[in-house]
Every structure is written in C-alpha cells, then in structure tokens.
Protein backbone atom coordinates (compact mmCIF):
# COMPACT_ATOMS: atom_id res chain seq x y z
CA GLN A 1 154.62 26.61 138.51
CA VAL A 2 151.13 27.85 139.47
CA GLN A 3 148.37 28.06 136.92
CA LEU A 4 144.67 28.43 136.41
CA VAL A 5 142.98 26.34 133.81
CA GLU A 6 139.38 27.09 132.62
CA SER A 7 137.03 24.80 130.87
CA GLY A 8 133.34 24.58 129.94
CA GLY A 9 132.91 27.28 127.36
CA GLY A 10 131.15 26.75 124.05
CA LEU A 11 128.21 27.65 121.81
CA VAL A 12 124.75 27.81 123.30
CA GLN A 13 121.35 29.06 122.27
CA PRO A 14 119.77 31.98 124.03
CA GLY A 15 117.97 30.80 127.11
CA GLY A 16 120.46 27.94 127.53
CA SER A 17 122.96 27.15 130.21
CA LEU A 18 126.75 26.50 130.59
CA ARG A 19 128.87 25.71 133.56
CA LEU A 20 132.48 27.02 133.55
CA SER A 21 135.16 25.58 135.74
CA CYS A 22 138.62 27.03 136.74
CA ALA A 23 141.11 24.78 138.58
CA ALA A 24 144.18 26.17 140.30
CA SER A 25 147.24 23.90 140.50
CA GLY A 26 150.86 24.13 141.54
CA ARG A 27 152.63 24.96 144.83
CA ILE A 28 149.70 26.89 146.38
CA LEU A 29 149.64 27.78 150.01
CA SER A 30 146.25 29.39 150.17
CA ILE A 31 143.63 31.01 147.92
CA ASN A 32 141.78 34.21 148.92
CA HIS A 33 139.04 35.43 146.59
CA MET A 34 138.34 33.81 143.27
CA ASP A 35 136.62 35.84 140.46
CA TRP A 36 135.21 35.46 136.98
CA TYR A 37 135.72 38.23 134.45
CA ARG A 38 134.61 38.48 130.90
CA GLN A 39 135.64 40.53 127.86
CA ALA A 40 133.51 41.03 124.80
CA PRO A 41 135.06 42.23 121.50
CA GLY A 42 135.75 45.95 121.54
CA LYS A 43 134.89 46.26 125.31
CA GLU A 44 136.86 46.40 128.49
CA ARG A 45 137.26 43.36 130.77
CA GLU A 46 134.51 43.39 133.45
CA LEU A 47 134.03 41.63 136.77
CA VAL A 48 131.18 39.15 136.57
CA ALA A 49 131.21 37.41 139.86
CA SER A 50 133.40 37.05 142.92
CA ILE A 51 133.62 34.64 145.83
CA THR A 52 135.66 34.82 148.98
CA SER A 53 137.46 32.01 150.75
CA GLY A 54 134.47 31.94 153.17
CA GLY A 55 131.85 31.72 150.44
CA SER A 56 130.57 35.26 150.27
CA THR A 57 129.56 36.22 146.83
CA ASN A 58 129.11 39.36 144.66
CA TYR A 59 127.67 39.68 141.15
CA ALA A 60 127.54 42.28 138.39
CA ASP A 61 123.94 43.67 138.06
CA SER A 62 123.81 42.24 134.60
CA VAL A 63 124.04 38.66 135.72
CA LYS A 64 122.28 38.71 139.12
CA GLY A 65 119.60 35.97 139.33
CA ARG A 66 121.06 34.17 136.30
CA PHE A 67 124.63 33.28 137.22
CA THR A 68 125.87 31.52 140.35
CA ILE A 69 129.53 31.39 141.45
CA SER A 70 130.66 28.62 143.80
CA ARG A 71 134.01 27.03 144.81
CA ASP A 72 135.33 23.75 146.05
CA ASN A 73 138.26 24.54 148.33
CA THR A 74 139.35 20.90 148.45
CA LYS A 75 139.90 20.97 144.67
CA ASN A 76 141.09 24.60 144.40
CA THR A 77 138.29 25.11 141.82
CA VAL A 78 135.76 27.82 141.16
CA TYR A 79 132.67 27.37 139.10
CA LEU A 80 130.32 29.64 137.30
CA GLN A 81 126.87 28.30 136.53
CA MET A 82 125.23 30.45 133.82
CA ASN A 83 121.55 30.12 133.18
CA SER A 84 119.07 31.99 130.93
CA LEU A 85 122.00 33.08 128.75
CA LYS A 86 121.59 36.08 126.49
CA PRO A 87 123.50 37.10 123.34
CA GLU A 88 125.06 39.93 125.30
CA ASP A 89 126.73 37.33 127.51
CA THR A 90 128.97 36.44 124.61
CA ALA A 91 132.54 37.05 125.60
CA VAL A 92 135.76 35.38 126.62
CA TYR A 93 135.52 34.47 130.31
CA TYR A 94 138.57 34.54 132.54
CA CYS A 95 139.07 33.44 136.03
CA ASN A 96 141.29 35.21 138.42
CA ALA A 97 142.52 34.10 141.89
CA GLU A 98 144.45 35.91 144.55
CA MET A 99 146.82 33.19 145.85
CA SER A 100 149.64 32.73 148.32
CA THR A 101 152.37 30.57 146.84
CA ASP A 102 156.11 29.78 147.31
CA TRP A 103 156.73 32.91 145.37
CA GLY A 104 154.62 35.26 147.33
CA TYR A 105 151.06 36.58 147.20
CA ARG A 106 149.48 37.90 143.91
CA GLY A 107 146.75 37.46 141.43
CA TYR A 108 146.80 34.91 138.73
CA TRP A 109 144.84 34.72 135.45
CA GLY A 110 143.57 31.81 133.50
CA GLN A 111 143.93 31.68 129.69
CA GLY A 112 140.17 32.31 129.04
CA THR A 113 137.36 30.35 127.60
CA GLN A 114 135.03 31.48 124.83
CA VAL A 115 131.27 31.61 125.57
CA THR A 116 129.07 32.32 122.50
CA VAL A 117 125.26 32.73 122.85
CA SER A 118 123.59 32.64 119.45
CA SER A 119 120.76 31.02 117.63
C-alpha cells in the first residue's frame, strides 16, 4: 500500500512560521513532482508550490517570497517552510505526489493537515 502522510500543521500567530512535512511510503519505484495544495473553507483547492524530481520549483503568487518547498529524495519526503504567515494562509494543506509504483503511475494525495493563522 502506498500512502502520503503529512505533519506539522497547527495554530500560529500572524507573522509566525510553520514547517510542513509529507512522507511517501510503500512500494514506490519513483516519484516525479511533489506538490502542496491548500483548501480554505468555501474555496476551491489551489496549488501552493511544486517541486520536480530535479529540484525545480514553482510557487503561487500569493506565497512567493514567504514559502519554500524542498524535498529529500532519500526519504521520499517533501517539505513546505512557511514564513511570515498571514490569516489568509489558513487552510487545510494537502500534499500530492505523482508516483510510479507496482500498480502503475498516478497521483496520490495525503490526508491533509490544518494550518490556522490567528491572533
């Protein structure tokens, strides 16, 4: 069984920082790009940041300069360092990974982790 498990969410004050982690486990042959999405109440899920297997990154305009995505290929783990957090960053954050496994190639989602930015 292949799964993604996120951790690191929580409650933080505006201007604070959090670091999210997402670890892939199971019978994984290779991982292509790994992404972080978020979904706020009443809004559609949106792409926050993406990183390829080679380390190239892309960010949503709303988080550029504040968030940093990285990955450790030896641990099949992707991270999202979030600095200068704002109340509008409040959402459930999900990781997504395009992976090749014993069952073929497709995208997998984590269960989500809540990030709340509030004073």
